[in-house]
Each structure stands twice: as C-alpha cells, then as structure tokens.
Amino acid sequence: MVERCFDRLEQFRDLVTRYANRAAYYQAELIIVAVVLWLR
C-alpha cells in the first residue's frame, strides 16, 4: 500500500526530485499533492 502511494507521488516530478529549497515548501507541496490524489 505504501509503495503504491509512492508510485502515485512519482507523477509529480518536482516533488520526487525535491526542487523545493525549503522544508516548508516541500511539506506544502506534499499536502497539496496528497489532497489532489485523494480527490481523484
């Protein structure tokens, strides 16, 4: 189940490669992506 979640997160390239410079930006992106995936 966890691996499937990471596979879905890989659709968002900037999140996987971690282009966000600050931890707060990374956390905000992660939350937004999680909500988008949950709403699908």
N, C-alpha and C. Protein backbone atom coordinates (compact mmCIF):
# COMPACT_ATOMS: atom_id res chain seq x y z
N MET A 1 0.82 -1.18 0.00
CA MET A 1 0.00 0.00 0.00
C MET A 1 0.88 1.26 0.00
N VAL A 2 1.93 1.24 0.78
CA VAL A 2 2.84 2.39 0.84
C VAL A 2 3.55 2.57 -0.50
N GLU A 3 3.96 1.47 -1.10
CA GLU A 3 4.65 1.54 -2.40
C GLU A 3 3.73 2.11 -3.47
N ARG A 4 2.47 1.75 -3.44
CA ARG A 4 1.51 2.31 -4.41
C ARG A 4 1.36 3.81 -4.22
N CYS A 5 1.37 4.24 -2.97
CA CYS A 5 1.28 5.68 -2.69
C CYS A 5 2.48 6.41 -3.28
N PHE A 6 3.68 5.86 -3.11
CA PHE A 6 4.87 6.50 -3.68
C PHE A 6 4.83 6.46 -5.21
N ASP A 7 4.28 5.41 -5.77
CA ASP A 7 4.15 5.36 -7.23
C ASP A 7 3.24 6.48 -7.73
N ARG A 8 2.19 6.74 -7.00
CA ARG A 8 1.30 7.84 -7.39
C ARG A 8 1.98 9.19 -7.23
N LEU A 9 2.80 9.33 -6.20
CA LEU A 9 3.51 10.60 -5.97
C LEU A 9 4.55 10.86 -7.06
N GLU A 10 5.04 9.82 -7.70
CA GLU A 10 6.04 9.99 -8.74
C GLU A 10 5.48 10.69 -9.97
N GLN A 11 4.16 10.79 -10.07
CA GLN A 11 3.55 11.52 -11.18
C GLN A 11 3.90 13.00 -11.09
N PHE A 12 4.20 13.47 -9.91
CA PHE A 12 4.54 14.87 -9.69
C PHE A 12 6.05 14.97 -9.58
N ARG A 13 6.71 15.25 -10.71
CA ARG A 13 8.16 15.22 -10.82
C ARG A 13 8.89 16.14 -9.84
N ASP A 14 8.40 17.36 -9.66
CA ASP A 14 9.11 18.28 -8.78
C ASP A 14 9.09 17.81 -7.34
N LEU A 15 8.06 17.05 -6.97
CA LEU A 15 8.00 16.53 -5.61
C LEU A 15 9.02 15.41 -5.41
N VAL A 16 9.14 14.56 -6.41
CA VAL A 16 10.04 13.42 -6.30
C VAL A 16 11.50 13.88 -6.33
N THR A 17 11.80 14.82 -7.21
CA THR A 17 13.18 15.29 -7.32
C THR A 17 13.50 16.36 -6.29
N ARG A 18 12.50 16.81 -5.60
CA ARG A 18 12.63 17.77 -4.49
C ARG A 18 13.30 19.06 -4.94
N TYR A 19 12.62 19.76 -5.84
CA TYR A 19 13.10 21.05 -6.29
C TYR A 19 12.86 22.14 -5.25
N ALA A 20 11.99 21.90 -4.29
CA ALA A 20 11.70 22.89 -3.26
C ALA A 20 12.93 23.05 -2.37
N ASN A 21 13.33 24.27 -2.17
CA ASN A 21 14.55 24.54 -1.40
C ASN A 21 14.32 24.46 0.10
N ARG A 22 13.15 24.81 0.54
CA ARG A 22 12.88 24.83 1.97
C ARG A 22 11.94 23.71 2.36
N ALA A 23 12.09 23.26 3.58
CA ALA A 23 11.26 22.16 4.07
C ALA A 23 9.78 22.54 4.10
N ALA A 24 9.49 23.80 4.39
CA ALA A 24 8.09 24.23 4.45
C ALA A 24 7.44 24.16 3.07
N TYR A 25 8.18 24.52 2.02
CA TYR A 25 7.66 24.43 0.66
C TYR A 25 7.43 22.98 0.28
N TYR A 26 8.36 22.13 0.66
CA TYR A 26 8.25 20.70 0.35
C TYR A 26 7.03 20.11 1.05
N GLN A 27 6.83 20.48 2.30
CA GLN A 27 5.69 19.97 3.06
C GLN A 27 4.38 20.47 2.45
N ALA A 28 4.34 21.74 2.05
CA ALA A 28 3.13 22.28 1.44
C ALA A 28 2.83 21.58 0.13
N GLU A 29 3.85 21.33 -0.69
CA GLU A 29 3.64 20.59 -1.94
C GLU A 29 3.12 19.20 -1.67
N LEU A 30 3.69 18.54 -0.68
CA LEU A 30 3.26 17.19 -0.35
C LEU A 30 1.80 17.16 0.07
N ILE A 31 1.37 18.13 0.84
CA ILE A 31 -0.02 18.20 1.28
C ILE A 31 -0.95 18.45 0.09
N ILE A 32 -0.55 19.36 -0.79
CA ILE A 32 -1.38 19.66 -1.97
C ILE A 32 -1.52 18.43 -2.86
N VAL A 33 -0.41 17.74 -3.09
CA VAL A 33 -0.44 16.54 -3.93
C VAL A 33 -1.29 15.46 -3.28
N ALA A 34 -1.18 15.30 -1.96
CA ALA A 34 -1.98 14.29 -1.26
C ALA A 34 -3.47 14.59 -1.40
N VAL A 35 -3.84 15.86 -1.32
CA VAL A 35 -5.25 16.23 -1.47
C VAL A 35 -5.71 15.97 -2.89
N VAL A 36 -4.89 16.32 -3.87
CA VAL A 36 -5.26 16.08 -5.28
C VAL A 36 -5.45 14.59 -5.52
N LEU A 37 -4.54 13.77 -5.01
CA LEU A 37 -4.67 12.33 -5.20
C LEU A 37 -5.90 11.78 -4.47
N TRP A 38 -6.19 12.33 -3.32
CA TRP A 38 -7.34 11.87 -2.55
C TRP A 38 -8.65 12.22 -3.24
N LEU A 39 -8.67 13.38 -3.91
CA LEU A 39 -9.90 13.81 -4.59
C LEU A 39 -10.15 13.06 -5.89
N ARG A 40 -9.15 12.44 -6.44
CA ARG A 40 -9.35 11.69 -7.69
C ARG A 40 -10.19 10.52 -7.46
